[in-house]
C-alpha atoms as a PDB file:
ATOM      1  CA  MET A   1       0.000   0.000   0.000  1.00  0.00           C
ATOM      2  CA  GLN A   2       2.815   2.384   0.870  1.00  0.00           C
ATOM      3  CA  THR A   3       4.341   1.802  -2.581  1.00  0.00           C
ATOM      4  CA  VAL A   4       1.107   3.002  -4.190  1.00  0.00           C
ATOM      5  CA  VAL A   5       1.099   6.076  -1.992  1.00  0.00           C
ATOM      6  CA  ASN A   6       4.755   6.815  -2.806  1.00  0.00           C
ATOM      7  CA  VAL A   7       4.256   6.511  -6.579  1.00  0.00           C
ATOM      8  CA  LYS A   8       1.312   8.903  -6.447  1.00  0.00           C
ATOM      9  CA  GLN A   9       3.674  11.577  -5.197  1.00  0.00           C
ATOM     10  CA  VAL A  10       5.282  11.699  -8.659  1.00  0.00           C
ATOM     11  CA  PRO A  11       3.929  14.799 -10.436  1.00  0.00           C
ATOM     12  CA  GLY A  12       1.534  13.966 -13.260  1.00  0.00           C
ATOM     13  CA  SER A  13       1.337  10.276 -12.351  1.00  0.00           C
ATOM     14  CA  GLN A  14      -1.740   8.085 -12.399  1.00  0.00           C
ATOM     15  CA  VAL A  15      -1.692   4.867 -10.387  1.00  0.00           C
ATOM     16  CA  SER A  16      -3.900   1.860 -11.071  1.00  0.00           C
ATOM     17  CA  VAL A  17      -3.927  -1.420  -9.158  1.00  0.00           C
ATOM     18  CA  CYS A  18      -4.938  -4.756 -10.704  1.00  0.00           C
ATOM     19  CA  VAL A  19      -7.252  -6.761  -8.451  1.00  0.00           C
ATOM     20  CA  ALA A  20      -9.078 -10.087  -8.728  1.00  0.00           C
ATOM     21  CA  TRP A  21     -12.582 -10.431 -10.157  1.00  0.00           C
ATOM     22  CA  SER A  22     -14.016 -10.500  -6.630  1.00  0.00           C
ATOM     23  CA  PRO A  23     -12.678  -8.779  -3.503  1.00  0.00           C
ATOM     24  CA  PHE A  24     -13.172 -11.872  -1.368  1.00  0.00           C
ATOM     25  CA  ASN A  25     -10.167 -14.173  -1.094  1.00  0.00           C
ATOM     26  CA  ILE A  26      -9.784 -15.200  -4.732  1.00  0.00           C
ATOM     27  CA  ASP A  27      -6.874 -17.649  -5.011  1.00  0.00           C
ATOM     28  CA  GLY A  28      -6.007 -16.922  -1.391  1.00  0.00           C
ATOM     29  CA  ARG A  29      -5.544 -13.187  -2.029  1.00  0.00           C
ATOM     30  CA  TYR A  30      -7.481 -11.432   0.702  1.00  0.00           C
ATOM     31  CA  TYR A  31      -6.249  -7.866   0.309  1.00  0.00           C
ATOM     32  CA  ASP A  32      -7.453  -4.526   1.621  1.00  0.00           C
ATOM     33  CA  MET A  33      -9.398  -3.549  -1.489  1.00  0.00           C
ATOM     34  CA  LYS A  34     -10.863  -0.408   0.065  1.00  0.00           C
ATOM     35  CA  GLY A  35      -7.362   0.635   1.033  1.00  0.00           C
ATOM     36  CA  PHE A  36      -6.133   0.067  -2.529  1.00  0.00           C
ATOM     37  CA  ALA A  37      -9.049   2.117  -3.875  1.00  0.00           C
ATOM     38  CA  GLN A  38      -8.285   4.979  -1.497  1.00  0.00           C
ATOM     39  CA  ALA A  39      -4.547   4.920  -2.247  1.00  0.00           C
ATOM     40  CA  ALA A  40      -4.755   4.493  -6.036  1.00  0.00           C
ATOM     41  CA  ASP A  41      -6.443   6.464  -8.776  1.00  0.00           C
ATOM     42  CA  LEU A  42      -8.060   3.403 -10.351  1.00  0.00           C
ATOM     43  CA  LEU A  43      -8.800  -0.253  -9.672  1.00  0.00           C
ATOM     44  CA  TYR A  44      -8.483  -2.513 -12.711  1.00  0.00           C
ATOM     45  CA  VAL A  45     -10.741  -5.475 -11.902  1.00  0.00           C
ATOM     46  CA  MET A  46      -9.428  -8.524 -13.767  1.00  0.00           C
ATOM     47  CA  MET A  47     -12.718 -10.119 -14.727  1.00  0.00           C
ATOM     48  CA  TYR A  48     -11.085 -13.182 -16.273  1.00  0.00           C
ATOM     49  CA  ASP A  49      -9.531 -16.472 -15.168  1.00  0.00           C
ATOM     50  CA  THR A  50     -12.545 -16.769 -12.892  1.00  0.00           C
ATOM     51  CA  ARG A  51     -12.178 -20.575 -12.958  1.00  0.00           C
ATOM     52  CA  SER A  52      -8.730 -20.583 -11.368  1.00  0.00           C
ATOM     53  CA  GLN A  53     -10.276 -22.506  -8.485  1.00  0.00           C
ATOM     54  CA  VAL A  54     -13.301 -24.663  -9.314  1.00  0.00           C
ATOM     55  CA  PHE A  55     -15.287 -25.760  -6.283  1.00  0.00           C
ATOM     56  CA  GLU A  56     -18.158 -27.287  -8.245  1.00  0.00           C
ATOM     57  CA  GLN A  57     -18.195 -30.048 -10.856  1.00  0.00           C
ATOM     58  CA  CYS A  58     -14.836 -30.241 -12.646  1.00  0.00           C
ATOM     59  CA  ILE A  59     -15.929 -29.437 -16.194  1.00  0.00           C
ATOM     60  CA  ALA A  60     -14.941 -26.965 -18.899  1.00  0.00           C
ATOM     61  CA  SER A  61     -16.623 -23.617 -18.298  1.00  0.00           C
ATOM     62  CA  PRO A  62     -16.528 -19.912 -19.243  1.00  0.00           C
ATOM     63  CA  ASN A  63     -13.543 -17.710 -18.561  1.00  0.00           C
ATOM     64  CA  CYS A  64     -15.873 -14.811 -17.781  1.00  0.00           C
ATOM     65  CA  ALA A  65     -19.505 -15.741 -17.087  1.00  0.00           C
ATOM     66  CA  LEU A  66     -21.940 -12.817 -17.010  1.00  0.00           C
ATOM     67  CA  PRO A  67     -23.403 -13.702 -13.571  1.00  0.00           C
ATOM     68  CA  LEU A  68     -19.892 -13.587 -12.083  1.00  0.00           C
ATOM     69  CA  VAL A  69     -19.215 -10.266 -13.797  1.00  0.00           C
ATOM     70  CA  GLN A  70     -22.318  -8.804 -12.187  1.00  0.00           C
ATOM     71  CA  GLN A  71     -21.526 -10.415  -8.837  1.00  0.00           C
ATOM     72  CA  GLY A  72     -17.936  -9.216  -8.738  1.00  0.00           C
ATOM     73  CA  VAL A  73     -18.754  -5.622  -9.701  1.00  0.00           C
ATOM     74  CA  GLU A  74     -21.590  -5.476  -7.186  1.00  0.00           C
ATOM     75  CA  GLN A  75     -19.305  -6.747  -4.422  1.00  0.00           C
ATOM     76  CA  TYR A  76     -16.756  -4.007  -5.065  1.00  0.00           C
ATOM     77  CA  VAL A  77     -19.419  -1.295  -5.238  1.00  0.00           C
ATOM     78  CA  ASN A  78     -21.123  -2.580  -2.082  1.00  0.00           C
ATOM     79  CA  MET A  79     -17.815  -2.230  -0.244  1.00  0.00           C
ATOM     80  CA  GLY A  80     -18.129   1.494  -0.758  1.00  0.00           C
ATOM     81  CA  ILE A  81     -15.669   1.758  -3.650  1.00  0.00           C
ATOM     82  CA  ALA A  82     -16.705   4.530  -6.023  1.00  0.00           C
ATOM     83  CA  PRO A  83     -17.805   3.113  -9.400  1.00  0.00           C
ATOM     84  CA  LYS A  84     -15.792   5.806 -11.189  1.00  0.00           C
ATOM     85  CA  LYS A  85     -12.628   4.296  -9.708  1.00  0.00           C
ATOM     86  CA  ILE A  86     -13.304   0.904 -11.318  1.00  0.00           C
ATOM     87  CA  ILE A  87     -12.063  -0.223 -14.723  1.00  0.00           C
ATOM     88  CA  LEU A  88     -13.622  -3.549 -15.734  1.00  0.00           C
ATOM     89  CA  GLY A  89     -10.985  -5.742 -17.362  1.00  0.00           C
ATOM     90  CA  LEU A  90     -12.567  -8.173 -19.837  1.00  0.00           C
ATOM     91  CA  PRO A  91     -10.911 -10.985 -21.823  1.00  0.00           C
ATOM     92  CA  TRP A  92     -10.275 -11.089 -25.533  1.00  0.00           C
ATOM     93  CA  TYR A  93      -9.105 -14.672 -25.041  1.00  0.00           C
ATOM     94  CA  GLY A  94     -10.535 -17.935 -23.769  1.00  0.00           C
ATOM     95  CA  TYR A  95      -9.707 -21.505 -22.836  1.00  0.00           C
ATOM     96  CA  ASP A  96      -9.298 -24.728 -24.784  1.00  0.00           C
ATOM     97  CA  TYR A  97     -10.058 -27.755 -22.592  1.00  0.00           C
ATOM     98  CA  PRO A  98      -9.229 -31.387 -23.463  1.00  0.00           C
ATOM     99  CA  CYS A  99     -12.204 -33.465 -22.336  1.00  0.00           C
ATOM    100  CA  LEU A 100     -11.605 -36.697 -20.460  1.00  0.00           C
ATOM    101  CA  PRO A 101     -11.516 -39.886 -22.584  1.00  0.00           C
ATOM    102  CA  GLY A 102     -14.977 -41.228 -23.303  1.00  0.00           C
ATOM    103  CA  THR A 103     -16.594 -37.805 -23.698  1.00  0.00           C
ATOM    104  CA  ALA A 104     -19.088 -37.816 -26.556  1.00  0.00           C
ATOM    105  CA  PRO A 105     -18.097 -35.593 -29.509  1.00  0.00           C
ATOM    106  CA  ASP A 106     -21.233 -33.461 -29.152  1.00  0.00           C
ATOM    107  CA  ALA A 107     -21.343 -33.512 -25.338  1.00  0.00           C
ATOM    108  CA  GLN A 108     -22.682 -30.433 -23.591  1.00  0.00           C
ATOM    109  CA  PHE A 109     -20.501 -31.086 -20.562  1.00  0.00           C
ATOM    110  CA  CYS A 110     -16.775 -31.701 -20.892  1.00  0.00           C
ATOM    111  CA  PRO A 111     -15.206 -33.326 -17.793  1.00  0.00           C
ATOM    112  CA  ILE A 112     -11.608 -32.163 -17.408  1.00  0.00           C
ATOM    113  CA  LYS A 113      -8.484 -33.437 -15.700  1.00  0.00           C
ATOM    114  CA  LEU A 114      -7.962 -32.540 -12.051  1.00  0.00           C
ATOM    115  CA  VAL A 115      -5.186 -29.927 -11.966  1.00  0.00           C
ATOM    116  CA  PRO A 116      -4.812 -28.432  -8.484  1.00  0.00           C
ATOM    117  CA  PHE A 117      -4.230 -24.741  -7.866  1.00  0.00           C
ATOM    118  CA  ARG A 118      -3.559 -23.257  -4.434  1.00  0.00           C
ATOM    119  CA  GLY A 119      -5.251 -26.027  -2.510  1.00  0.00           C
ATOM    120  CA  VAL A 120      -8.216 -26.628  -4.830  1.00  0.00           C
ATOM    121  CA  ASN A 121      -8.250 -29.836  -6.888  1.00  0.00           C
ATOM    122  CA  CYS A 122      -9.825 -28.440 -10.074  1.00  0.00           C
ATOM    123  CA  SER A 123      -8.741 -25.352 -12.004  1.00  0.00           C
ATOM    124  CA  ASP A 124      -8.622 -23.770 -15.445  1.00  0.00           C
ATOM    125  CA  ALA A 125      -4.986 -24.901 -15.604  1.00  0.00           C
ATOM    126  CA  ALA A 126      -6.428 -28.072 -17.144  1.00  0.00           C
ATOM    127  CA  GLY A 127      -6.930 -25.986 -20.270  1.00  0.00           C
ATOM    128  CA  SER A 128      -4.819 -23.659 -22.378  1.00  0.00           C
ATOM    129  CA  GLU A 129      -5.314 -19.946 -22.961  1.00  0.00           C
ATOM    130  CA  ILE A 130      -6.182 -19.187 -26.587  1.00  0.00           C
ATOM    131  CA  PRO A 131      -6.528 -15.772 -28.254  1.00  0.00           C
ATOM    132  CA  PHE A 132      -9.682 -14.649 -30.012  1.00  0.00           C
ATOM    133  CA  SER A 133      -7.907 -14.855 -33.371  1.00  0.00           C
ATOM    134  CA  PHE A 134      -7.113 -18.570 -32.938  1.00  0.00           C
ATOM    135  CA  TYR A 135     -10.659 -19.262 -31.802  1.00  0.00           C
ATOM    136  CA  MET A 136     -12.076 -17.711 -34.950  1.00  0.00           C
ATOM    137  CA  SER A 137      -9.670 -19.555 -37.232  1.00  0.00           C
ATOM    138  CA  LEU A 138     -10.557 -22.872 -35.597  1.00  0.00           C
ATOM    139  CA  LEU A 139     -14.287 -22.201 -35.603  1.00  0.00           C
ATOM    140  CA  ASN A 140     -14.229 -22.292 -39.393  1.00  0.00           C
ATOM    141  CA  ASN A 141     -12.232 -25.537 -39.449  1.00  0.00           C
ATOM    142  CA  GLN A 142     -13.714 -28.896 -40.402  1.00  0.00           C
ATOM    143  CA  THR A 143     -12.577 -30.386 -37.074  1.00  0.00           C
ATOM    144  CA  VAL A 144     -15.350 -28.467 -35.280  1.00  0.00           C
ATOM    145  CA  ILE A 145     -18.174 -30.818 -34.332  1.00  0.00           C
ATOM    146  CA  THR A 146     -20.790 -28.553 -32.747  1.00  0.00           C
ATOM    147  CA  LYS A 147     -21.370 -26.024 -35.547  1.00  0.00           C
ATOM    148  CA  PRO A 148     -22.285 -23.254 -35.266  1.00  0.00           C
ATOM    149  CA  ARG A 149     -20.894 -22.454 -31.833  1.00  0.00           C
ATOM    150  CA  THR A 150     -23.335 -23.059 -29.001  1.00  0.00           C
ATOM    151  CA  TRP A 151     -24.608 -20.040 -27.104  1.00  0.00           C
ATOM    152  CA  GLU A 152     -24.974 -20.746 -23.389  1.00  0.00           C
ATOM    153  CA  SER A 153     -27.564 -18.187 -22.287  1.00  0.00           C
ATOM    154  CA  ASP A 154     -27.101 -18.740 -18.529  1.00  0.00           C
ATOM    155  CA  VAL A 155     -23.558 -17.364 -18.723  1.00  0.00           C
ATOM    156  CA  SER A 156     -23.830 -15.310 -21.944  1.00  0.00           C
ATOM    157  CA  THR A 157     -20.810 -17.066 -23.438  1.00  0.00           C
ATOM    158  CA  PRO A 158     -20.348 -19.331 -26.487  1.00  0.00           C
ATOM    159  CA  TYR A 159     -18.503 -22.625 -26.760  1.00  0.00           C
ATOM    160  CA  PHE A 160     -17.898 -25.372 -29.279  1.00  0.00           C
ATOM    161  CA  ASN A 161     -16.457 -28.879 -29.366  1.00  0.00           C
ATOM    162  CA  TYR A 162     -13.793 -30.024 -31.796  1.00  0.00           C
ATOM    163  CA  ARG A 163     -11.682 -33.078 -32.491  1.00  0.00           C
ATOM    164  CA  ALA A 164      -7.939 -32.546 -31.996  1.00  0.00           C
ATOM    165  CA  ALA A 165      -5.148 -34.106 -34.067  1.00  0.00           C
ATOM    166  CA  ASP A 166      -4.782 -36.906 -31.502  1.00  0.00           C
ATOM    167  CA  ASN A 167      -8.504 -37.682 -31.953  1.00  0.00           C
ATOM    168  CA  SER A 168      -9.398 -36.378 -28.483  1.00  0.00           C
ATOM    169  CA  ILE A 169     -12.462 -34.191 -27.928  1.00  0.00           C
ATOM    170  CA  HIS A 170     -11.894 -30.597 -26.818  1.00  0.00           C
ATOM    171  CA  GLN A 171     -14.296 -27.924 -25.677  1.00  0.00           C
ATOM    172  CA  MET A 172     -13.415 -24.273 -26.230  1.00  0.00           C
ATOM    173  CA  TRP A 173     -14.963 -21.345 -24.356  1.00  0.00           C
ATOM    174  CA  ILE A 174     -14.249 -17.761 -25.329  1.00  0.00           C
ATOM    175  CA  ASP A 175     -15.794 -14.300 -25.330  1.00  0.00           C
ATOM    176  CA  ASP A 176     -16.696 -12.801 -28.682  1.00  0.00           C
ATOM    177  CA  ALA A 177     -18.445  -9.605 -29.726  1.00  0.00           C
ATOM    178  CA  GLN A 178     -21.886 -10.889 -28.703  1.00  0.00           C
ATOM    179  CA  SER A 179     -20.864 -11.999 -25.224  1.00  0.00           C
ATOM    180  CA  LEU A 180     -18.727  -8.946 -24.578  1.00  0.00           C
ATOM    181  CA  LYS A 181     -21.562  -6.545 -25.404  1.00  0.00           C
ATOM    182  CA  ALA A 182     -23.524  -7.970 -22.477  1.00  0.00           C
ATOM    183  CA  LYS A 183     -20.523  -7.510 -20.188  1.00  0.00           C
ATOM    184  CA  TYR A 184     -19.762  -4.004 -21.429  1.00  0.00           C
ATOM    185  CA  GLN A 185     -23.353  -3.203 -20.522  1.00  0.00           C
ATOM    186  CA  VAL A 186     -22.482  -3.967 -16.883  1.00  0.00           C
ATOM    187  CA  VAL A 187     -19.982  -1.096 -17.067  1.00  0.00           C
ATOM    188  CA  VAL A 188     -22.758   1.200 -18.261  1.00  0.00           C
ATOM    189  CA  ASP A 189     -25.357  -0.062 -15.785  1.00  0.00           C
ATOM    190  CA  TYR A 190     -23.090   0.394 -12.749  1.00  0.00           C
ATOM    191  CA  GLY A 191     -21.598   3.673 -13.952  1.00  0.00           C
ATOM    192  CA  LEU A 192     -18.028   2.348 -13.904  1.00  0.00           C
ATOM    193  CA  ARG A 193     -15.074   4.371 -15.221  1.00  0.00           C
ATOM    194  CA  GLY A 194     -14.691   2.148 -18.277  1.00  0.00           C
ATOM    195  CA  THR A 195     -13.388  -1.144 -19.570  1.00  0.00           C
ATOM    196  CA  GLY A 196      -9.955  -2.501 -20.414  1.00  0.00           C
ATOM    197  CA  PRO A 197      -9.805  -5.434 -22.863  1.00  0.00           C
ATOM    198  CA  PHE A 198      -7.087  -8.000 -22.197  1.00  0.00           C
ATOM    199  CA  THR A 199      -5.443  -7.983 -24.611  1.00  0.00           C
ATOM    200  CA  PHE A 200      -5.507  -6.011 -27.851  1.00  0.00           C
ATOM    201  CA  ALA A 201      -2.811  -8.356 -29.181  1.00  0.00           C
ATOM    202  CA  ASP A 202      -5.337 -11.226 -29.277  1.00  0.00           C
ATOM    203  CA  LEU A 203      -6.754  -9.910 -32.552  1.00  0.00           C
ATOM    204  CA  ASP A 204      -5.451 -10.745 -36.022  1.00  0.00           C
ATOM    205  CA  TYR A 205      -5.364  -8.470 -39.077  1.00  0.00           C
ATOM    206  CA  SER A 206      -3.436 -10.706 -41.492  1.00  0.00           C
ATOM    207  CA  THR A 207      -6.330 -11.580 -43.844  1.00  0.00           C
ATOM    208  CA  PRO A 208      -9.562  -9.871 -44.934  1.00  0.00           C
ATOM    209  CA  GLN A 209     -11.573 -12.386 -42.900  1.00  0.00           C
ATOM    210  CA  ALA A 210      -9.420 -11.831 -39.821  1.00  0.00           C
ATOM    211  CA  LYS A 211      -9.773  -8.053 -40.215  1.00  0.00           C
ATOM    212  CA  SER A 212     -13.546  -8.405 -40.343  1.00  0.00           C
ATOM    213  CA  GLN A 213     -13.545 -10.551 -37.204  1.00  0.00           C
ATOM    214  CA  ALA A 214     -11.299  -8.059 -35.415  1.00  0.00           C
ATOM    215  CA  ALA A 215     -13.597  -5.224 -36.472  1.00  0.00           C
ATOM    216  CA  SER A 216     -16.533  -6.977 -34.805  1.00  0.00           C
ATOM    217  CA  MET A 217     -14.652  -6.868 -31.501  1.00  0.00           C
ATOM    218  CA  TRP A 218     -14.009  -3.136 -31.824  1.00  0.00           C
ATOM    219  CA  ASP A 219     -17.600  -2.527 -32.907  1.00  0.00           C
ATOM    220  CA  ALA A 220     -18.860  -4.177 -29.713  1.00  0.00           C
ATOM    221  CA  LEU A 221     -17.362  -1.249 -27.786  1.00  0.00           C
ATOM    222  CA  LYS A 222     -19.926   1.047 -29.395  1.00  0.00           C
ATOM    223  CA  VAL A 223     -22.248   0.119 -26.532  1.00  0.00           C
ATOM    224  CA  PHE A 224     -20.565   3.013 -24.701  1.00  0.00           C
ATOM    225  CA  THR A 225     -21.584   5.544 -27.338  1.00  0.00           C
ATOM    226  CA  GLU A 226     -25.056   4.187 -28.021  1.00  0.00           C
ATOM    227  CA  THR A 227     -26.414   4.661 -24.506  1.00  0.00           C
END
């Protein structure tokens, strides 16, 4: 905390602190969030990797489910942190999960390997982070089984299953323009300072198709100018 205070003494500086998607002991990090908010100019809430510790059924799931976005933001605001101090960090990447052997190609639920993280047996470490650009290139590939991608309305996030080179079944969850619009709306509804996509480098501009897909991600940000 003192480091934040010291840096703020630099003329013309602006200090932001990255914090977990919820203020309550995520991954064993129980910090003084109100103190951070008071000491810093901004809190960048990392609303991604929300499955770093899975306490429920160990299955593939969204990186950034809408109900958790709403829950996390509400928890910070209810602590007395001013909404205008909060930047909502949202992912332009997702996770590719190998399903356990025996999973049906078109299965809705994809059981994943137990990979412990900080004392919890199941985590998103069972999967691999994948950028939006790779997701889009794979979605158009013949290895995809569940075409078009399946929209899971409970979490406002899409997924699809595909068959990997080793013949195993994978399930991929990622945020796209449609899912992100719903999460950008949370920023508007709660009167937050803004959003911060993570990361801009996850887009591809190498082909006309890739440019069009990247444009859809930028266009989703228009929710801030349309309200």
